[in-house]
Amino acid sequence: MHDWSEADFDWNGLNDAIRMIAIPLRQIGRVNVSDFKEKYGEARISCNFGFSMVHGLLYPGYCFKQYKSKRLWALDCYHGHKVMWLVNLVAVPCQQWLYRYLYKRAVAKYPHLRKEIVSAADWPELLKNI
């Protein structure tokens, strides 16, 4: 879409929009944002909704264990999913709402970058009519 030789493109605006979306998703929404970056002039925010383990709720974005106790890790691995499906009934709709809200806010702040912000979204079905 774009390359770094384009001096007239708003690279700082795009990077700010990416941070406006990814950081609150991880910190407020506890969404598993595994990566966020600009690539070829598009916002790439890799994320998924819900939790498979309690670890994902406590440490969003981390794929390796952050627990100090091996017993706690084993307990979460074997039994965490039994609790988290109930949490996901509430968490997933809230996370999807926040995802849509943050994208809408970023597009409102940078309307000239709408195509670059939305085009490579992981969940485009949530971003209709933005």
C-alpha atoms as a PDB file:
ATOM      1  CA  MET A   1       0.000   0.000   0.000  1.00  0.00           C
ATOM      2  CA  HIS A   2       2.734   2.495   1.037  1.00  0.00           C
ATOM      3  CA  ASP A   3       6.488   2.382   1.380  1.00  0.00           C
ATOM      4  CA  TRP A   4       8.946   4.352   3.465  1.00  0.00           C
ATOM      5  CA  SER A   5      10.073   6.475   0.504  1.00  0.00           C
ATOM      6  CA  GLU A   6       6.758   8.366   0.584  1.00  0.00           C
ATOM      7  CA  ALA A   7       7.601  11.555   2.430  1.00  0.00           C
ATOM      8  CA  ASP A   8       4.078  12.997   2.280  1.00  0.00           C
ATOM      9  CA  PHE A   9       2.389  10.056   4.050  1.00  0.00           C
ATOM     10  CA  ASP A  10       1.455  10.525   7.728  1.00  0.00           C
ATOM     11  CA  TRP A  11       3.614   7.780   9.263  1.00  0.00           C
ATOM     12  CA  ASN A  12       3.461   9.269  12.755  1.00  0.00           C
ATOM     13  CA  GLY A  13      -0.326   9.453  12.604  1.00  0.00           C
ATOM     14  CA  LEU A  14      -0.588   5.807  11.563  1.00  0.00           C
ATOM     15  CA  ASN A  15       1.736   4.645  14.338  1.00  0.00           C
ATOM     16  CA  ASP A  16      -0.188   6.746  16.868  1.00  0.00           C
ATOM     17  CA  ALA A  17      -3.479   5.237  15.671  1.00  0.00           C
ATOM     18  CA  ILE A  18      -2.050   1.729  16.069  1.00  0.00           C
ATOM     19  CA  ARG A  19      -0.994   2.465  19.650  1.00  0.00           C
ATOM     20  CA  MET A  20      -4.408   4.096  20.322  1.00  0.00           C
ATOM     21  CA  ILE A  21      -6.023   0.759  19.479  1.00  0.00           C
ATOM     22  CA  ALA A  22      -3.595  -1.922  20.659  1.00  0.00           C
ATOM     23  CA  ILE A  23      -2.513  -0.673  24.082  1.00  0.00           C
ATOM     24  CA  PRO A  24      -6.022  -0.053  25.534  1.00  0.00           C
ATOM     25  CA  LEU A  25      -7.187  -3.370  24.047  1.00  0.00           C
ATOM     26  CA  ARG A  26      -4.511  -5.165  26.039  1.00  0.00           C
ATOM     27  CA  GLN A  27      -4.626  -3.105  29.232  1.00  0.00           C
ATOM     28  CA  ILE A  28      -8.327  -2.295  29.590  1.00  0.00           C
ATOM     29  CA  GLY A  29     -10.023  -5.058  27.611  1.00  0.00           C
ATOM     30  CA  ARG A  30      -7.529  -7.789  28.572  1.00  0.00           C
ATOM     31  CA  VAL A  31      -7.551  -8.815  24.894  1.00  0.00           C
ATOM     32  CA  ASN A  32      -4.710 -11.087  23.806  1.00  0.00           C
ATOM     33  CA  VAL A  33      -2.899  -8.626  21.512  1.00  0.00           C
ATOM     34  CA  SER A  34       0.043 -10.714  20.384  1.00  0.00           C
ATOM     35  CA  ASP A  35       1.537  -8.125  18.020  1.00  0.00           C
ATOM     36  CA  PHE A  36       0.924  -4.609  16.758  1.00  0.00           C
ATOM     37  CA  LYS A  37       2.898  -2.826  14.076  1.00  0.00           C
ATOM     38  CA  GLU A  38       2.819  -0.940  10.819  1.00  0.00           C
ATOM     39  CA  LYS A  39       3.564  -3.028   7.755  1.00  0.00           C
ATOM     40  CA  TYR A  40       3.451  -1.709   4.192  1.00  0.00           C
ATOM     41  CA  GLY A  41       1.561   1.336   5.409  1.00  0.00           C
ATOM     42  CA  GLU A  42      -1.216  -0.651   7.081  1.00  0.00           C
ATOM     43  CA  ALA A  43      -2.085  -1.155  10.736  1.00  0.00           C
ATOM     44  CA  ARG A  44      -1.476  -4.751  11.791  1.00  0.00           C
ATOM     45  CA  ILE A  45      -2.981  -5.553  15.173  1.00  0.00           C
ATOM     46  CA  SER A  46      -3.028  -9.299  15.836  1.00  0.00           C
ATOM     47  CA  CYS A  47      -5.482 -10.237  18.547  1.00  0.00           C
ATOM     48  CA  ASN A  48      -8.115 -12.729  19.614  1.00  0.00           C
ATOM     49  CA  PHE A  49     -11.027 -12.521  22.008  1.00  0.00           C
ATOM     50  CA  GLY A  50     -11.850 -14.580  25.064  1.00  0.00           C
ATOM     51  CA  PHE A  51      -9.725 -16.638  27.398  1.00  0.00           C
ATOM     52  CA  SER A  52      -8.714 -20.280  27.327  1.00  0.00           C
ATOM     53  CA  MET A  53      -6.983 -20.098  30.701  1.00  0.00           C
ATOM     54  CA  VAL A  54      -6.915 -17.819  33.733  1.00  0.00           C
ATOM     55  CA  HIS A  55      -3.361 -16.932  32.668  1.00  0.00           C
ATOM     56  CA  GLY A  56      -4.754 -15.107  29.611  1.00  0.00           C
ATOM     57  CA  LEU A  57      -6.946 -12.955  31.841  1.00  0.00           C
ATOM     58  CA  LEU A  58      -4.144 -12.089  34.246  1.00  0.00           C
ATOM     59  CA  TYR A  59      -1.359 -11.675  31.665  1.00  0.00           C
ATOM     60  CA  PRO A  60      -2.829 -10.703  28.273  1.00  0.00           C
ATOM     61  CA  GLY A  61      -0.358 -10.848  25.391  1.00  0.00           C
ATOM     62  CA  TYR A  62       2.001 -13.314  27.086  1.00  0.00           C
ATOM     63  CA  CYS A  63       2.240 -16.757  25.547  1.00  0.00           C
ATOM     64  CA  PHE A  64       4.688 -18.191  28.087  1.00  0.00           C
ATOM     65  CA  LYS A  65       3.781 -18.725  31.721  1.00  0.00           C
ATOM     66  CA  GLN A  66       4.163 -15.839  34.099  1.00  0.00           C
ATOM     67  CA  TYR A  67       3.206 -17.790  37.221  1.00  0.00           C
ATOM     68  CA  LYS A  68       5.934 -18.358  39.809  1.00  0.00           C
ATOM     69  CA  SER A  69       4.359 -21.590  41.043  1.00  0.00           C
ATOM     70  CA  LYS A  70       4.459 -24.753  38.944  1.00  0.00           C
ATOM     71  CA  ARG A  71       1.378 -26.058  40.764  1.00  0.00           C
ATOM     72  CA  LEU A  72      -0.641 -22.979  39.897  1.00  0.00           C
ATOM     73  CA  TRP A  73       0.426 -23.317  36.243  1.00  0.00           C
ATOM     74  CA  ALA A  74      -0.542 -27.007  36.176  1.00  0.00           C
ATOM     75  CA  LEU A  75      -3.873 -26.267  37.832  1.00  0.00           C
ATOM     76  CA  ASP A  76      -4.607 -23.577  35.253  1.00  0.00           C
ATOM     77  CA  CYS A  77      -3.538 -25.810  32.342  1.00  0.00           C
ATOM     78  CA  TYR A  78      -5.777 -28.685  33.355  1.00  0.00           C
ATOM     79  CA  HIS A  79      -8.769 -26.886  34.852  1.00  0.00           C
ATOM     80  CA  GLY A  80      -8.668 -23.245  33.719  1.00  0.00           C
ATOM     81  CA  HIS A  81     -10.882 -23.828  30.684  1.00  0.00           C
ATOM     82  CA  LYS A  82     -13.632 -25.220  32.906  1.00  0.00           C
ATOM     83  CA  VAL A  83     -14.049 -21.790  34.524  1.00  0.00           C
ATOM     84  CA  MET A  84     -13.169 -19.524  31.632  1.00  0.00           C
ATOM     85  CA  TRP A  85     -16.010 -20.526  29.318  1.00  0.00           C
ATOM     86  CA  LEU A  86     -18.381 -18.876  31.788  1.00  0.00           C
ATOM     87  CA  VAL A  87     -16.224 -15.732  31.954  1.00  0.00           C
ATOM     88  CA  ASN A  88     -16.136 -15.670  28.138  1.00  0.00           C
ATOM     89  CA  LEU A  89     -19.923 -15.351  27.976  1.00  0.00           C
ATOM     90  CA  VAL A  90     -19.513 -11.824  29.335  1.00  0.00           C
ATOM     91  CA  ALA A  91     -15.941 -10.997  28.305  1.00  0.00           C
ATOM     92  CA  VAL A  92     -16.112 -11.657  24.556  1.00  0.00           C
ATOM     93  CA  PRO A  93     -19.011  -9.256  23.800  1.00  0.00           C
ATOM     94  CA  CYS A  94     -17.332  -6.589  25.956  1.00  0.00           C
ATOM     95  CA  GLN A  95     -13.995  -7.099  24.194  1.00  0.00           C
ATOM     96  CA  GLN A  96     -15.646  -6.916  20.779  1.00  0.00           C
ATOM     97  CA  TRP A  97     -17.409  -3.697  21.753  1.00  0.00           C
ATOM     98  CA  LEU A  98     -14.102  -2.185  22.908  1.00  0.00           C
ATOM     99  CA  TYR A  99     -12.391  -3.331  19.688  1.00  0.00           C
ATOM    100  CA  ARG A 100     -14.991  -1.572  17.582  1.00  0.00           C
ATOM    101  CA  TYR A 101     -14.955   1.534  19.802  1.00  0.00           C
ATOM    102  CA  LEU A 102     -11.168   1.913  19.651  1.00  0.00           C
ATOM    103  CA  TYR A 103     -11.067   1.507  15.875  1.00  0.00           C
ATOM    104  CA  LYS A 104     -13.881   4.052  15.523  1.00  0.00           C
ATOM    105  CA  ARG A 105     -12.024   6.497  17.783  1.00  0.00           C
ATOM    106  CA  ALA A 106      -8.768   6.086  15.819  1.00  0.00           C
ATOM    107  CA  VAL A 107     -10.560   6.640  12.500  1.00  0.00           C
ATOM    108  CA  ALA A 108     -12.308   9.720  13.916  1.00  0.00           C
ATOM    109  CA  LYS A 109      -8.967  11.185  14.978  1.00  0.00           C
ATOM    110  CA  TYR A 110      -7.220  10.288  11.697  1.00  0.00           C
ATOM    111  CA  PRO A 111      -9.947  10.250   8.996  1.00  0.00           C
ATOM    112  CA  HIS A 112      -7.362  10.619   6.227  1.00  0.00           C
ATOM    113  CA  LEU A 113      -5.876   7.237   7.334  1.00  0.00           C
ATOM    114  CA  ARG A 114      -9.171   5.305   7.472  1.00  0.00           C
ATOM    115  CA  LYS A 115      -8.228   2.855   4.720  1.00  0.00           C
ATOM    116  CA  GLU A 116      -4.794   2.188   6.228  1.00  0.00           C
ATOM    117  CA  ILE A 117      -6.191   1.635   9.727  1.00  0.00           C
ATOM    118  CA  VAL A 118      -9.091  -0.661   8.803  1.00  0.00           C
ATOM    119  CA  SER A 119      -7.827  -2.587   5.750  1.00  0.00           C
ATOM    120  CA  ALA A 120      -5.716  -5.212   7.572  1.00  0.00           C
ATOM    121  CA  ALA A 121      -7.907  -5.649  10.671  1.00  0.00           C
ATOM    122  CA  ASP A 122      -8.146  -9.155  12.110  1.00  0.00           C
ATOM    123  CA  TRP A 123     -11.905  -8.836  12.618  1.00  0.00           C
ATOM    124  CA  PRO A 124     -13.278  -6.790   9.680  1.00  0.00           C
ATOM    125  CA  GLU A 125     -16.820  -8.037  10.308  1.00  0.00           C
ATOM    126  CA  LEU A 126     -16.838  -5.996  13.523  1.00  0.00           C
ATOM    127  CA  LEU A 127     -15.762  -2.851  11.675  1.00  0.00           C
ATOM    128  CA  LYS A 128     -18.588  -2.488   9.187  1.00  0.00           C
ATOM    129  CA  ASN A 129     -19.911   1.073   8.811  1.00  0.00           C
ATOM    130  CA  ILE A 130     -16.916   2.715  10.451  1.00  0.00           C
END
